[in-house]
Amino acid sequence: MIAQLIQDDEGKTTGVFITIEDWEQIKRNYPNIETFDYELPQWQKDILDERIKDLDKPEMLRPISDIFDFID
C-alpha cells in the first residue's frame, strides 16, 4: 500500500490518501472498520506525530539488523 500524506500550509499532516483498491482490501480484512468509533488519546497522537516527523530525519533511520543486534 502506498499512502500519500496530505499537509496544510504549515506542513502539518492533516490527512492520508490511499487508493480505492487499498480501501476495499482494508474493508475486506476489517469488515467493521466503517463503524469503528474510537478516538485516540492525545498522548498517543503526540507519539505518532513525533514518529512521523522522525521519518524525515535520515539519521533516525537504521537497518533492522542493527535493532535486532541491540535487542540481543
PDB file of N, CA and C in Angstrom:
ATOM      1  N   MET A   1       0.836  -1.167   0.000  1.00  0.00           N
ATOM      2  CA  MET A   1       0.000   0.000   0.000  1.00  0.00           C
ATOM      3  C   MET A   1       0.886   1.237   0.000  1.00  0.00           C
ATOM      4  N   ILE A   2       0.531   2.165  -0.834  1.00  0.00           N
ATOM      5  CA  ILE A   2       1.231   3.441  -0.871  1.00  0.00           C
ATOM      6  C   ILE A   2       0.247   4.506  -0.414  1.00  0.00           C
ATOM      7  N   ALA A   3       0.605   5.199   0.654  1.00  0.00           N
ATOM      8  CA  ALA A   3      -0.246   6.253   1.189  1.00  0.00           C
ATOM      9  C   ALA A   3       0.415   7.600   0.926  1.00  0.00           C
ATOM     10  N   GLN A   4      -0.398   8.578   0.619  1.00  0.00           N
ATOM     11  CA  GLN A   4       0.090   9.937   0.428  1.00  0.00           C
ATOM     12  C   GLN A   4      -0.403  10.783   1.599  1.00  0.00           C
ATOM     13  N   LEU A   5       0.511  11.474   2.247  1.00  0.00           N
ATOM     14  CA  LEU A   5       0.129  12.352   3.347  1.00  0.00           C
ATOM     15  C   LEU A   5      -0.331  13.686   2.790  1.00  0.00           C
ATOM     16  N   ILE A   6      -1.396  14.183   3.332  1.00  0.00           N
ATOM     17  CA  ILE A   6      -1.930  15.487   2.948  1.00  0.00           C
ATOM     18  C   ILE A   6      -1.543  16.467   4.043  1.00  0.00           C
ATOM     19  N   GLN A   7      -0.916  17.588   3.644  1.00  0.00           N
ATOM     20  CA  GLN A   7      -0.424  18.554   4.617  1.00  0.00           C
ATOM     21  C   GLN A   7      -1.047  19.920   4.382  1.00  0.00           C
ATOM     22  N   ASP A   8      -1.169  20.664   5.484  1.00  0.00           N
ATOM     23  CA  ASP A   8      -1.683  22.030   5.359  1.00  0.00           C
ATOM     24  C   ASP A   8      -0.548  22.978   4.971  1.00  0.00           C
ATOM     25  N   ASP A   9      -0.826  24.270   4.927  1.00  0.00           N
ATOM     26  CA  ASP A   9       0.168  25.261   4.513  1.00  0.00           C
ATOM     27  C   ASP A   9       1.384  25.319   5.433  1.00  0.00           C
ATOM     28  N   GLU A  10       1.215  24.853   6.671  1.00  0.00           N
ATOM     29  CA  GLU A  10       2.315  24.875   7.637  1.00  0.00           C
ATOM     30  C   GLU A  10       3.090  23.559   7.657  1.00  0.00           C
ATOM     31  N   GLY A  11       2.710  22.633   6.785  1.00  0.00           N
ATOM     32  CA  GLY A  11       3.400  21.353   6.723  1.00  0.00           C
ATOM     33  C   GLY A  11       2.874  20.317   7.694  1.00  0.00           C
ATOM     34  N   LYS A  12       1.810  20.632   8.410  1.00  0.00           N
ATOM     35  CA  LYS A  12       1.227  19.685   9.355  1.00  0.00           C
ATOM     36  C   LYS A  12       0.364  18.685   8.595  1.00  0.00           C
ATOM     37  N   THR A  13       0.564  17.404   8.910  1.00  0.00           N
ATOM     38  CA  THR A  13      -0.219  16.360   8.256  1.00  0.00           C
ATOM     39  C   THR A  13      -1.656  16.444   8.728  1.00  0.00           C
ATOM     40  N   THR A  14      -2.564  16.545   7.767  1.00  0.00           N
ATOM     41  CA  THR A  14      -3.983  16.676   8.092  1.00  0.00           C
ATOM     42  C   THR A  14      -4.818  15.523   7.565  1.00  0.00           C
ATOM     43  N   GLY A  15      -4.214  14.665   6.753  1.00  0.00           N
ATOM     44  CA  GLY A  15      -4.963  13.544   6.209  1.00  0.00           C
ATOM     45  C   GLY A  15      -4.059  12.579   5.477  1.00  0.00           C
ATOM     46  N   VAL A  16      -4.681  11.482   5.053  1.00  0.00           N
ATOM     47  CA  VAL A  16      -3.971  10.445   4.315  1.00  0.00           C
ATOM     48  C   VAL A  16      -4.821  10.041   3.130  1.00  0.00           C
ATOM     49  N   PHE A  17      -4.203   9.883   1.995  1.00  0.00           N
ATOM     50  CA  PHE A  17      -4.886   9.429   0.797  1.00  0.00           C
ATOM     51  C   PHE A  17      -4.389   8.036   0.456  1.00  0.00           C
ATOM     52  N   ILE A  18      -5.331   7.104   0.270  1.00  0.00           N
ATOM     53  CA  ILE A  18      -4.989   5.767  -0.226  1.00  0.00           C
ATOM     54  C   ILE A  18      -5.880   5.479  -1.429  1.00  0.00           C
ATOM     55  N   THR A  19      -5.472   4.532  -2.249  1.00  0.00           N
ATOM     56  CA  THR A  19      -6.275   4.196  -3.424  1.00  0.00           C
ATOM     57  C   THR A  19      -7.547   3.478  -2.993  1.00  0.00           C
ATOM     58  N   ILE A  20      -8.553   3.532  -3.836  1.00  0.00           N
ATOM     59  CA  ILE A  20      -9.813   2.851  -3.540  1.00  0.00           C
ATOM     60  C   ILE A  20      -9.587   1.345  -3.451  1.00  0.00           C
ATOM     61  N   GLU A  21      -8.651   0.829  -4.244  1.00  0.00           N
ATOM     62  CA  GLU A  21      -8.347  -0.608  -4.174  1.00  0.00           C
ATOM     63  C   GLU A  21      -7.814  -0.980  -2.793  1.00  0.00           C
ATOM     64  N   ASP A  22      -6.923  -0.138  -2.252  1.00  0.00           N
ATOM     65  CA  ASP A  22      -6.401  -0.388  -0.907  1.00  0.00           C
ATOM     66  C   ASP A  22      -7.523  -0.296   0.128  1.00  0.00           C
ATOM     67  N   TRP A  23      -8.408   0.682  -0.028  1.00  0.00           N
ATOM     68  CA  TRP A  23      -9.514   0.836   0.911  1.00  0.00           C
ATOM     69  C   TRP A  23     -10.432  -0.392   0.872  1.00  0.00           C
ATOM     70  N   GLU A  24     -10.717  -0.887  -0.313  1.00  0.00           N
ATOM     71  CA  GLU A  24     -11.562  -2.085  -0.440  1.00  0.00           C
ATOM     72  C   GLU A  24     -10.901  -3.285   0.234  1.00  0.00           C
ATOM     73  N   GLN A  25      -9.584  -3.409   0.089  1.00  0.00           N
ATOM     74  CA  GLN A  25      -8.849  -4.501   0.737  1.00  0.00           C
ATOM     75  C   GLN A  25      -8.924  -4.364   2.258  1.00  0.00           C
ATOM     76  N   ILE A  26      -8.768  -3.161   2.754  1.00  0.00           N
ATOM     77  CA  ILE A  26      -8.869  -2.930   4.194  1.00  0.00           C
ATOM     78  C   ILE A  26     -10.265  -3.320   4.686  1.00  0.00           C
ATOM     79  N   LYS A  27     -11.299  -2.940   3.947  1.00  0.00           N
ATOM     80  CA  LYS A  27     -12.666  -3.276   4.358  1.00  0.00           C
ATOM     81  C   LYS A  27     -12.902  -4.783   4.341  1.00  0.00           C
ATOM     82  N   ARG A  28     -12.270  -5.486   3.398  1.00  0.00           N
ATOM     83  CA  ARG A  28     -12.401  -6.951   3.383  1.00  0.00           C
ATOM     84  C   ARG A  28     -11.713  -7.558   4.602  1.00  0.00           C
ATOM     85  N   ASN A  29     -10.544  -7.036   4.965  1.00  0.00           N
ATOM     86  CA  ASN A  29      -9.798  -7.569   6.107  1.00  0.00           C
ATOM     87  C   ASN A  29     -10.407  -7.161   7.450  1.00  0.00           C
ATOM     88  N   TYR A  30     -11.027  -5.999   7.490  1.00  0.00           N
ATOM     89  CA  TYR A  30     -11.613  -5.470   8.733  1.00  0.00           C
ATOM     90  C   TYR A  30     -13.035  -4.998   8.439  1.00  0.00           C
ATOM     91  N   PRO A  31     -13.986  -5.927   8.397  1.00  0.00           N
ATOM     92  CA  PRO A  31     -15.351  -5.570   7.958  1.00  0.00           C
ATOM     93  C   PRO A  31     -16.046  -4.519   8.818  1.00  0.00           C
ATOM     94  N   ASN A  32     -15.650  -4.341  10.049  1.00  0.00           N
ATOM     95  CA  ASN A  32     -16.306  -3.353  10.924  1.00  0.00           C
ATOM     96  C   ASN A  32     -15.614  -1.994  10.922  1.00  0.00           C
ATOM     97  N   ILE A  33     -14.672  -1.803  10.029  1.00  0.00           N
ATOM     98  CA  ILE A  33     -13.874  -0.578  10.080  1.00  0.00           C
ATOM     99  C   ILE A  33     -14.712   0.691   9.901  1.00  0.00           C
ATOM    100  N   GLU A  34     -15.756   0.611   9.113  1.00  0.00           N
ATOM    101  CA  GLU A  34     -16.552   1.825   8.882  1.00  0.00           C
ATOM    102  C   GLU A  34     -17.435   2.178  10.076  1.00  0.00           C
ATOM    103  N   THR A  35     -17.630   1.247  10.990  1.00  0.00           N
ATOM    104  CA  THR A  35     -18.421   1.533  12.178  1.00  0.00           C
ATOM    105  C   THR A  35     -17.538   1.680  13.407  1.00  0.00           C
ATOM    106  N   PHE A  36     -16.238   1.590  13.208  1.00  0.00           N
ATOM    107  CA  PHE A  36     -15.286   1.717  14.305  1.00  0.00           C
ATOM    108  C   PHE A  36     -15.286   3.156  14.786  1.00  0.00           C
ATOM    109  N   ASP A  37     -15.577   3.349  16.044  1.00  0.00           N
ATOM    110  CA  ASP A  37     -15.676   4.706  16.582  1.00  0.00           C
ATOM    111  C   ASP A  37     -14.833   4.794  17.843  1.00  0.00           C
ATOM    112  N   TYR A  38     -13.563   5.139  17.668  1.00  0.00           N
ATOM    113  CA  TYR A  38     -12.659   5.228  18.796  1.00  0.00           C
ATOM    114  C   TYR A  38     -11.718   6.392  18.562  1.00  0.00           C
ATOM    115  N   GLU A  39     -11.645   7.257  19.513  1.00  0.00           N
ATOM    116  CA  GLU A  39     -10.744   8.405  19.423  1.00  0.00           C
ATOM    117  C   GLU A  39      -9.472   8.099  20.206  1.00  0.00           C
ATOM    118  N   LEU A  40      -8.325   8.248  19.552  1.00  0.00           N
ATOM    119  CA  LEU A  40      -7.056   8.048  20.246  1.00  0.00           C
ATOM    120  C   LEU A  40      -6.858   9.142  21.284  1.00  0.00           C
ATOM    121  N   PRO A  41      -6.315   8.783  22.446  1.00  0.00           N
ATOM    122  CA  PRO A  41      -5.976   9.829  23.415  1.00  0.00           C
ATOM    123  C   PRO A  41      -4.891  10.746  22.840  1.00  0.00           C
ATOM    124  N   GLN A  42      -4.862  11.973  23.301  1.00  0.00           N
ATOM    125  CA  GLN A  42      -3.913  12.955  22.774  1.00  0.00           C
ATOM    126  C   GLN A  42      -2.471  12.502  22.939  1.00  0.00           C
ATOM    127  N   TRP A  43      -2.137  11.823  24.039  1.00  0.00           N
ATOM    128  CA  TRP A  43      -0.748  11.395  24.248  1.00  0.00           C
ATOM    129  C   TRP A  43      -0.318  10.402  23.175  1.00  0.00           C
ATOM    130  N   GLN A  44      -1.245   9.559  22.704  1.00  0.00           N
ATOM    131  CA  GLN A  44      -0.904   8.626  21.636  1.00  0.00           C
ATOM    132  C   GLN A  44      -0.744   9.367  20.305  1.00  0.00           C
ATOM    133  N   LYS A  45      -1.578  10.359  20.072  1.00  0.00           N
ATOM    134  CA  LYS A  45      -1.448  11.165  18.854  1.00  0.00           C
ATOM    135  C   LYS A  45      -0.106  11.897  18.839  1.00  0.00           C
ATOM    136  N   ASP A  46       0.296  12.407  20.009  1.00  0.00           N
ATOM    137  CA  ASP A  46       1.577  13.113  20.101  1.00  0.00           C
ATOM    138  C   ASP A  46       2.748  12.187  19.752  1.00  0.00           C
ATOM    139  N   ILE A  47       2.691  10.955  20.246  1.00  0.00           N
ATOM    140  CA  ILE A  47       3.742   9.979  19.930  1.00  0.00           C
ATOM    141  C   ILE A  47       3.780   9.706  18.433  1.00  0.00           C
ATOM    142  N   LEU A  48       2.620   9.508  17.829  1.00  0.00           N
ATOM    143  CA  LEU A  48       2.568   9.253  16.385  1.00  0.00           C
ATOM    144  C   LEU A  48       3.101  10.448  15.596  1.00  0.00           C
ATOM    145  N   ASP A  49       2.746  11.650  16.010  1.00  0.00           N
ATOM    146  CA  ASP A  49       3.246  12.845  15.328  1.00  0.00           C
ATOM    147  C   ASP A  49       4.769  12.920  15.391  1.00  0.00           C
ATOM    148  N   GLU A  50       5.348  12.604  16.550  1.00  0.00           N
ATOM    149  CA  GLU A  50       6.811  12.609  16.691  1.00  0.00           C
ATOM    150  C   GLU A  50       7.453  11.566  15.785  1.00  0.00           C
ATOM    151  N   ARG A  51       6.853  10.404  15.712  1.00  0.00           N
ATOM    152  CA  ARG A  51       7.401   9.341  14.859  1.00  0.00           C
ATOM    153  C   ARG A  51       7.317   9.713  13.385  1.00  0.00           C
ATOM    154  N   ILE A  52       6.237  10.356  12.999  1.00  0.00           N
ATOM    155  CA  ILE A  52       6.102  10.796  11.605  1.00  0.00           C
ATOM    156  C   ILE A  52       7.171  11.836  11.281  1.00  0.00           C
ATOM    157  N   LYS A  53       7.414  12.769  12.212  1.00  0.00           N
ATOM    158  CA  LYS A  53       8.464  13.777  11.999  1.00  0.00           C
ATOM    159  C   LYS A  53       9.832  13.114  11.856  1.00  0.00           C
ATOM    160  N   ASP A  54      10.076  12.067  12.644  1.00  0.00           N
ATOM    161  CA  ASP A  54      11.364  11.378  12.594  1.00  0.00           C
ATOM    162  C   ASP A  54      11.603  10.682  11.255  1.00  0.00           C
ATOM    163  N   LEU A  55      10.538  10.369  10.525  1.00  0.00           N
ATOM    164  CA  LEU A  55      10.703   9.728   9.221  1.00  0.00           C
ATOM    165  C   LEU A  55      11.427  10.640   8.233  1.00  0.00           C
ATOM    166  N   ASP A  56      11.348  11.931   8.477  1.00  0.00           N
ATOM    167  CA  ASP A  56      12.023  12.901   7.603  1.00  0.00           C
ATOM    168  C   ASP A  56      13.483  13.120   7.991  1.00  0.00           C
ATOM    169  N   LYS A  57      13.949  12.440   9.041  1.00  0.00           N
ATOM    170  CA  LYS A  57      15.318  12.596   9.518  1.00  0.00           C
ATOM    171  C   LYS A  57      16.098  11.318   9.212  1.00  0.00           C
ATOM    172  N   PRO A  58      16.907  11.319   8.165  1.00  0.00           N
ATOM    173  CA  PRO A  58      17.634  10.102   7.796  1.00  0.00           C
ATOM    174  C   PRO A  58      18.493   9.548   8.924  1.00  0.00           C
ATOM    175  N   GLU A  59      19.010  10.431   9.802  1.00  0.00           N
ATOM    176  CA  GLU A  59      19.859   9.948  10.892  1.00  0.00           C
ATOM    177  C   GLU A  59      19.069   9.124  11.906  1.00  0.00           C
ATOM    178  N   MET A  60      17.738   9.228  11.886  1.00  0.00           N
ATOM    179  CA  MET A  60      16.908   8.458  12.812  1.00  0.00           C
ATOM    180  C   MET A  60      16.617   7.049  12.284  1.00  0.00           C
ATOM    181  N   LEU A  61      16.893   6.824  11.011  1.00  0.00           N
ATOM    182  CA  LEU A  61      16.601   5.528  10.406  1.00  0.00           C
ATOM    183  C   LEU A  61      17.824   4.627  10.481  1.00  0.00           C
ATOM    184  N   ARG A  62      17.608   3.395  10.881  1.00  0.00           N
ATOM    185  CA  ARG A  62      18.692   2.419  10.970  1.00  0.00           C
ATOM    186  C   ARG A  62      18.227   1.100  10.367  1.00  0.00           C
ATOM    187  N   PRO A  63      19.154   0.297   9.885  1.00  0.00           N
ATOM    188  CA  PRO A  63      18.772  -1.015   9.370  1.00  0.00           C
ATOM    189  C   PRO A  63      18.166  -1.865  10.489  1.00  0.00           C
ATOM    190  N   ILE A  64      17.216  -2.684  10.142  1.00  0.00           N
ATOM    191  CA  ILE A  64      16.557  -3.532  11.126  1.00  0.00           C
ATOM    192  C   ILE A  64      17.546  -4.470  11.802  1.00  0.00           C
ATOM    193  N   SER A  65      18.591  -4.870  11.086  1.00  0.00           N
ATOM    194  CA  SER A  65      19.597  -5.762  11.692  1.00  0.00           C
ATOM    195  C   SER A  65      20.284  -5.099  12.874  1.00  0.00           C
ATOM    196  N   ASP A  66      20.510  -3.776  12.797  1.00  0.00           N
ATOM    197  CA  ASP A  66      21.102  -3.049  13.924  1.00  0.00           C
ATOM    198  C   ASP A  66      20.191  -3.097  15.154  1.00  0.00           C
ATOM    199  N   ILE A  67      18.917  -2.978  14.904  1.00  0.00           N
ATOM    200  CA  ILE A  67      17.966  -3.005  16.005  1.00  0.00           C
ATOM    201  C   ILE A  67      17.928  -4.387  16.648  1.00  0.00           C
ATOM    202  N   PHE A  68      17.931  -5.431  15.809  1.00  0.00           N
ATOM    203  CA  PHE A  68      17.930  -6.791  16.352  1.00  0.00           C
ATOM    204  C   PHE A  68      19.217  -7.058  17.143  1.00  0.00           C
ATOM    205  N   ASP A  69      20.329  -6.557  16.648  1.00  0.00           N
ATOM    206  CA  ASP A  69      21.605  -6.724  17.377  1.00  0.00           C
ATOM    207  C   ASP A  69      21.516  -6.012  18.729  1.00  0.00           C
ATOM    208  N   PHE A  70      20.912  -4.842  18.766  1.00  0.00           N
ATOM    209  CA  PHE A  70      20.768  -4.101  20.014  1.00  0.00           C
ATOM    210  C   PHE A  70      19.900  -4.868  21.005  1.00  0.00           C
ATOM    211  N   ILE A  71      18.815  -5.475  20.510  1.00  0.00           N
ATOM    212  CA  ILE A  71      17.907  -6.228  21.373  1.00  0.00           C
ATOM    213  C   ILE A  71      18.605  -7.454  21.948  1.00  0.00           C
ATOM    214  N   ASP A  72      19.411  -8.129  21.109  1.00  0.00           N
ATOM    215  CA  ASP A  72      20.132  -9.329  21.576  1.00  0.00           C
ATOM    216  C   ASP A  72      21.127  -8.941  22.625  1.00  0.00           C
TER     217      ASP A  72
END
